PDB file of N, CA and C in Angstrom:
ATOM      1  N   UNK A   1     -66.478-137.637 -74.054  1.00  0.00           N
ATOM      2  CA  UNK A   1     -65.590-138.042 -74.357  1.00  0.00           C
ATOM      3  C   UNK A   1     -65.174-138.976 -75.608  1.00  0.00           C
ATOM      4  N   UNK A   2     -66.155-139.906 -76.067  1.00  0.00           N
ATOM      5  CA  UNK A   2     -66.311-140.934 -77.266  1.00  0.00           C
ATOM      6  C   UNK A   2     -66.060-140.030 -78.281  1.00  0.00           C
ATOM      7  N   UNK A   3     -67.012-138.800 -78.337  1.00  0.00           N
ATOM      8  CA  UNK A   3     -67.014-137.705 -79.559  1.00  0.00           C
ATOM      9  C   UNK A   3     -65.767-137.207 -79.712  1.00  0.00           C
ATOM     10  N   UNK A   4     -65.078-136.745 -78.429  1.00  0.00           N
ATOM     11  CA  UNK A   4     -63.772-136.224 -78.639  1.00  0.00           C
ATOM     12  C   UNK A   4     -62.470-137.281 -78.987  1.00  0.00           C
ATOM     13  N   UNK A   5     -62.618-138.363 -78.590  1.00  0.00           N
ATOM     14  CA  UNK A   5     -61.637-139.408 -79.115  1.00  0.00           C
ATOM     15  C   UNK A   5     -61.693-139.539 -80.661  1.00  0.00           C
ATOM     16  N   UNK A   6     -62.817-139.766 -80.797  1.00  0.00           N
ATOM     17  CA  UNK A   6     -63.349-139.908 -82.277  1.00  0.00           C
ATOM     18  C   UNK A   6     -62.867-138.675 -83.373  1.00  0.00           C
ATOM     19  N   UNK A   7     -63.006-137.360 -82.963  1.00  0.00           N
ATOM     20  CA  UNK A   7     -62.374-136.339 -83.776  1.00  0.00           C
ATOM     21  C   UNK A   7     -60.987-136.344 -83.551  1.00  0.00           C
ATOM     22  N   UNK A   8     -60.352-136.140 -82.478  1.00  0.00           N
ATOM     23  CA  UNK A   8     -58.945-136.330 -82.582  1.00  0.00           C
ATOM     24  C   UNK A   8     -58.443-137.337 -83.158  1.00  0.00           C
ATOM     25  N   UNK A   9     -58.755-138.785 -83.401  1.00  0.00           N
ATOM     26  CA  UNK A   9     -58.099-139.732 -83.907  1.00  0.00           C
ATOM     27  C   UNK A   9     -58.514-139.262 -85.206  1.00  0.00           C
ATOM     28  N   UNK A  10     -59.443-139.028 -86.033  1.00  0.00           N
ATOM     29  CA  UNK A  10     -59.545-138.954 -87.087  1.00  0.00           C
ATOM     30  C   UNK A  10     -58.862-137.786 -87.796  1.00  0.00           C
ATOM     31  N   UNK A  11     -58.336-136.891 -87.010  1.00  0.00           N
ATOM     32  CA  UNK A  11     -57.879-135.632 -87.391  1.00  0.00           C
ATOM     33  C   UNK A  11     -56.242-135.422 -87.357  1.00  0.00           C
ATOM     34  N   UNK A  12     -55.947-136.752 -86.529  1.00  0.00           N
ATOM     35  CA  UNK A  12     -54.609-136.959 -86.130  1.00  0.00           C
ATOM     36  C   UNK A  12     -54.004-135.989 -85.218  1.00  0.00           C
ATOM     37  N   UNK A  13     -54.802-135.706 -84.132  1.00  0.00           N
ATOM     38  CA  UNK A  13     -54.876-134.480 -83.022  1.00  0.00           C
ATOM     39  C   UNK A  13     -53.853-135.173 -82.154  1.00  0.00           C
ATOM     40  N   UNK A  14     -53.703-136.311 -82.020  1.00  0.00           N
ATOM     41  CA  UNK A  14     -53.228-136.880 -80.740  1.00  0.00           C
ATOM     42  C   UNK A  14     -51.513-136.535 -80.458  1.00  0.00           C
ATOM     43  N   UNK A  15     -51.177-136.042 -79.555  1.00  0.00           N
ATOM     44  CA  UNK A  15     -49.606-135.879 -79.619  1.00  0.00           C
ATOM     45  C   UNK A  15     -48.964-136.781 -78.919  1.00  0.00           C
ATOM     46  N   UNK A  16     -49.551-137.905 -78.788  1.00  0.00           N
ATOM     47  CA  UNK A  16     -48.520-139.465 -77.923  1.00  0.00           C
ATOM     48  C   UNK A  16     -49.262-140.311 -78.370  1.00  0.00           C
ATOM     49  N   UNK A  17     -48.590-141.425 -78.769  1.00  0.00           N
ATOM     50  CA  UNK A  17     -49.088-142.600 -78.646  1.00  0.00           C
ATOM     51  C   UNK A  17     -49.014-143.552 -77.796  1.00  0.00           C
ATOM     52  N   UNK A  18     -50.366-144.419 -77.467  1.00  0.00           N
ATOM     53  CA  UNK A  18     -50.455-144.984 -76.283  1.00  0.00           C
ATOM     54  C   UNK A  18     -50.091-146.297 -76.485  1.00  0.00           C
ATOM     55  N   UNK A  19     -48.790-146.532 -76.003  1.00  0.00           N
ATOM     56  CA  UNK A  19     -48.612-148.025 -76.197  1.00  0.00           C
ATOM     57  C   UNK A  19     -48.256-149.212 -75.189  1.00  0.00           C
ATOM     58  N   UNK A  20     -48.485-148.311 -74.323  1.00  0.00           N
ATOM     59  CA  UNK A  20     -48.979-149.254 -72.893  1.00  0.00           C
ATOM     60  C   UNK A  20     -49.966-150.185 -72.740  1.00  0.00           C
ATOM     61  N   UNK A  21     -49.834-151.161 -73.359  1.00  0.00           N
ATOM     62  CA  UNK A  21     -51.427-152.165 -73.490  1.00  0.00           C
ATOM     63  C   UNK A  21     -52.122-152.070 -72.600  1.00  0.00           C
ATOM     64  N   UNK A  22     -51.415-152.531 -71.313  1.00  0.00           N
ATOM     65  CA  UNK A  22     -52.563-152.189 -69.963  1.00  0.00           C
ATOM     66  C   UNK A  22     -53.406-150.999 -69.886  1.00  0.00           C
ATOM     67  N   UNK A  23     -52.396-149.938 -69.749  1.00  0.00           N
ATOM     68  CA  UNK A  23     -53.000-148.413 -69.911  1.00  0.00           C
ATOM     69  C   UNK A  23     -54.246-148.537 -71.113  1.00  0.00           C
ATOM     70  N   UNK A  24     -53.761-148.900 -71.889  1.00  0.00           N
ATOM     71  CA  UNK A  24     -55.056-148.448 -73.101  1.00  0.00           C
ATOM     72  C   UNK A  24     -56.027-149.725 -72.830  1.00  0.00           C
ATOM     73  N   UNK A  25     -55.982-150.906 -72.199  1.00  0.00           N
ATOM     74  CA  UNK A  25     -57.196-151.861 -71.927  1.00  0.00           C
ATOM     75  C   UNK A  25     -57.806-150.679 -71.004  1.00  0.00           C
ATOM     76  N   UNK A  26     -56.857-150.454 -69.688  1.00  0.00           N
ATOM     77  CA  UNK A  26     -57.938-149.654 -68.942  1.00  0.00           C
ATOM     78  C   UNK A  26     -58.850-148.526 -69.531  1.00  0.00           C
ATOM     79  N   UNK A  27     -58.173-147.972 -70.245  1.00  0.00           N
ATOM     80  CA  UNK A  27     -58.952-146.381 -70.832  1.00  0.00           C
ATOM     81  C   UNK A  27     -60.241-147.067 -71.716  1.00  0.00           C
ATOM     82  N   UNK A  28     -60.048-148.352 -72.272  1.00  0.00           N
ATOM     83  CA  UNK A  28     -61.031-148.878 -72.970  1.00  0.00           C
ATOM     84  C   UNK A  28     -62.236-149.272 -72.061  1.00  0.00           C
ATOM     85  N   UNK A  29     -61.661-149.914 -70.737  1.00  0.00           N
ATOM     86  CA  UNK A  29     -62.785-150.403 -69.747  1.00  0.00           C
ATOM     87  C   UNK A  29     -63.830-149.317 -69.082  1.00  0.00           C
ATOM     88  N   UNK A  30     -62.669-148.271 -68.777  1.00  0.00           N
ATOM     89  CA  UNK A  30     -63.543-147.138 -68.363  1.00  0.00           C
ATOM     90  C   UNK A  30     -64.779-146.395 -69.479  1.00  0.00           C
ATOM     91  N   UNK A  31     -63.976-146.295 -70.902  1.00  0.00           N
ATOM     92  CA  UNK A  31     -64.828-145.843 -71.994  1.00  0.00           C
ATOM     93  C   UNK A  31     -66.050-146.770 -72.011  1.00  0.00           C
ATOM     94  N   UNK A  32     -66.206-148.007 -71.945  1.00  0.00           N
ATOM     95  CA  UNK A  32     -67.337-148.626 -72.065  1.00  0.00           C
ATOM     96  C   UNK A  32     -67.940-148.777 -70.980  1.00  0.00           C
ATOM     97  N   UNK A  33     -67.488-148.553 -69.822  1.00  0.00           N
ATOM     98  CA  UNK A  33     -68.170-148.402 -68.395  1.00  0.00           C
ATOM     99  C   UNK A  33     -69.341-147.172 -68.544  1.00  0.00           C
ATOM    100  N   UNK A  34     -68.804-146.206 -68.994  1.00  0.00           N
ATOM    101  CA  UNK A  34     -69.219-144.553 -68.869  1.00  0.00           C
ATOM    102  C   UNK A  34     -70.025-144.760 -69.962  1.00  0.00           C
ATOM    103  N   UNK A  35     -70.398-145.499 -70.916  1.00  0.00           N
ATOM    104  CA  UNK A  35     -71.256-145.227 -71.952  1.00  0.00           C
ATOM    105  C   UNK A  35     -72.548-146.105 -71.497  1.00  0.00           C
ATOM    106  N   UNK A  36     -72.390-146.402 -70.192  1.00  0.00           N
ATOM    107  CA  UNK A  36     -73.801-146.922 -69.631  1.00  0.00           C
ATOM    108  C   UNK A  36     -74.512-145.620 -68.837  1.00  0.00           C
ATOM    109  N   UNK A  37     -75.602-145.262 -69.497  1.00  0.00           N
ATOM    110  CA  UNK A  37     -76.458-144.326 -68.637  1.00  0.00           C
ATOM    111  C   UNK A  37     -76.790-144.442 -67.471  1.00  0.00           C
ATOM    112  N   UNK A  38     -77.177-145.685 -66.952  1.00  0.00           N
ATOM    113  CA  UNK A  38     -77.301-145.876 -65.392  1.00  0.00           C
ATOM    114  C   UNK A  38     -76.032-145.217 -64.943  1.00  0.00           C
ATOM    115  N   UNK A  39     -75.007-146.084 -65.065  1.00  0.00           N
ATOM    116  CA  UNK A  39     -73.706-145.993 -64.508  1.00  0.00           C
ATOM    117  C   UNK A  39     -73.341-144.373 -64.336  1.00  0.00           C
ATOM    118  N   UNK A  40     -73.488-143.960 -65.151  1.00  0.00           N
ATOM    119  CA  UNK A  40     -73.436-142.042 -65.493  1.00  0.00           C
ATOM    120  C   UNK A  40     -74.333-141.590 -64.697  1.00  0.00           C
ATOM    121  N   UNK A  41     -75.443-141.624 -64.546  1.00  0.00           N
ATOM    122  CA  UNK A  41     -76.371-141.193 -63.607  1.00  0.00           C
ATOM    123  C   UNK A  41     -75.844-141.403 -62.221  1.00  0.00           C
ATOM    124  N   UNK A  42     -75.432-142.780 -62.074  1.00  0.00           N
ATOM    125  CA  UNK A  42     -75.230-142.790 -60.333  1.00  0.00           C
ATOM    126  C   UNK A  42     -73.988-142.036 -60.288  1.00  0.00           C
ATOM    127  N   UNK A  43     -73.067-141.750 -61.198  1.00  0.00           N
ATOM    128  CA  UNK A  43     -71.800-141.294 -60.776  1.00  0.00           C
ATOM    129  C   UNK A  43     -71.990-139.631 -60.637  1.00  0.00           C
ATOM    130  N   UNK A  44     -72.819-139.034 -61.397  1.00  0.00           N
ATOM    131  CA  UNK A  44     -73.218-137.991 -61.484  1.00  0.00           C
ATOM    132  C   UNK A  44     -72.158-136.935 -61.969  1.00  0.00           C
ATOM    133  N   UNK A  45     -72.039-135.850 -61.121  1.00  0.00           N
ATOM    134  CA  UNK A  45     -71.133-135.062 -61.237  1.00  0.00           C
ATOM    135  C   UNK A  45     -69.423-135.251 -60.647  1.00  0.00           C
ATOM    136  N   UNK A  46     -69.293-136.231 -60.204  1.00  0.00           N
ATOM    137  CA  UNK A  46     -67.970-136.734 -59.852  1.00  0.00           C
ATOM    138  C   UNK A  46     -67.184-136.921 -60.483  1.00  0.00           C
ATOM    139  N   UNK A  47     -67.349-137.014 -61.764  1.00  0.00           N
ATOM    140  CA  UNK A  47     -66.598-137.462 -63.134  1.00  0.00           C
ATOM    141  C   UNK A  47     -65.892-136.103 -63.400  1.00  0.00           C
ATOM    142  N   UNK A  48     -66.834-135.361 -63.417  1.00  0.00           N
ATOM    143  CA  UNK A  48     -65.739-133.715 -63.818  1.00  0.00           C
ATOM    144  C   UNK A  48     -65.047-133.522 -62.225  1.00  0.00           C
ATOM    145  N   UNK A  49     -65.495-133.608 -61.455  1.00  0.00           N
ATOM    146  CA  UNK A  49     -64.598-133.107 -60.226  1.00  0.00           C
ATOM    147  C   UNK A  49     -63.342-134.045 -60.099  1.00  0.00           C
ATOM    148  N   UNK A  50     -63.534-135.186 -60.616  1.00  0.00           N
ATOM    149  CA  UNK A  50     -62.254-135.765 -60.641  1.00  0.00           C
ATOM    150  C   UNK A  50     -61.269-135.551 -61.234  1.00  0.00           C
ATOM    151  N   UNK A  51     -61.816-135.231 -62.597  1.00  0.00           N
ATOM    152  CA  UNK A  51     -61.053-134.831 -64.048  1.00  0.00           C
ATOM    153  C   UNK A  51     -60.148-133.256 -63.366  1.00  0.00           C
ATOM    154  N   UNK A  52     -61.031-132.470 -63.014  1.00  0.00           N
ATOM    155  CA  UNK A  52     -60.431-131.124 -62.563  1.00  0.00           C
ATOM    156  C   UNK A  52     -59.528-131.178 -61.100  1.00  0.00           C
ATOM    157  N   UNK A  53     -59.425-132.519 -60.351  1.00  0.00           N
ATOM    158  CA  UNK A  53     -58.977-131.778 -59.117  1.00  0.00           C
ATOM    159  C   UNK A  53     -57.354-131.812 -59.261  1.00  0.00           C
ATOM    160  N   UNK A  54     -56.545-132.491 -60.004  1.00  0.00           N
ATOM    161  CA  UNK A  54     -55.246-132.123 -60.134  1.00  0.00           C
ATOM    162  C   UNK A  54     -55.175-130.622 -60.737  1.00  0.00           C
ATOM    163  N   UNK A  55     -55.807-130.132 -61.439  1.00  0.00           N
ATOM    164  CA  UNK A  55     -56.069-128.772 -61.799  1.00  0.00           C
ATOM    165  C   UNK A  55     -55.800-127.852 -60.095  1.00  0.00           C
ATOM    166  N   UNK A  56     -56.996-127.857 -59.671  1.00  0.00           N
ATOM    167  CA  UNK A  56     -57.656-127.468 -58.629  1.00  0.00           C
ATOM    168  C   UNK A  56     -55.968-127.290 -57.347  1.00  0.00           C
ATOM    169  N   UNK A  57     -55.743-128.408 -57.200  1.00  0.00           N
ATOM    170  CA  UNK A  57     -54.530-128.446 -56.376  1.00  0.00           C
ATOM    171  C   UNK A  57     -53.397-127.602 -56.787  1.00  0.00           C
ATOM    172  N   UNK A  58     -52.826-127.570 -58.213  1.00  0.00           N
ATOM    173  CA  UNK A  58     -52.116-126.553 -58.900  1.00  0.00           C
ATOM    174  C   UNK A  58     -52.274-125.105 -58.346  1.00  0.00           C
ATOM    175  N   UNK A  59     -53.568-124.943 -58.880  1.00  0.00           N
ATOM    176  CA  UNK A  59     -54.132-123.232 -58.470  1.00  0.00           C
ATOM    177  C   UNK A  59     -54.094-123.121 -57.090  1.00  0.00           C
ATOM    178  N   UNK A  60     -54.131-123.799 -56.105  1.00  0.00           N
ATOM    179  CA  UNK A  60     -54.375-123.539 -54.874  1.00  0.00           C
ATOM    180  C   UNK A  60     -52.987-123.377 -54.443  1.00  0.00           C
ATOM    181  N   UNK A  61     -51.909-123.760 -54.880  1.00  0.00           N
ATOM    182  CA  UNK A  61     -50.768-123.696 -54.636  1.00  0.00           C
ATOM    183  C   UNK A  61     -50.295-122.688 -54.802  1.00  0.00           C
ATOM    184  N   UNK A  62     -50.499-122.065 -55.861  1.00  0.00           N
ATOM    185  CA  UNK A  62     -49.800-120.703 -56.391  1.00  0.00           C
ATOM    186  C   UNK A  62     -50.737-119.194 -55.586  1.00  0.00           C
TER     187      UNK A  62
END
């Protein structure tokens, strides 16, 4: 995710500004936590499942 963020930021591909400081701080906190190999190993595949969960709900409704 960090590499994606860096790429999008360098190439100006973000289509929205993050102006809410609280939300931005939360995202930096999550990013720093996810940079820990121990924490990532502990979380396993749950991160990916959490990211696609909203899309699964939409697909199941149709």
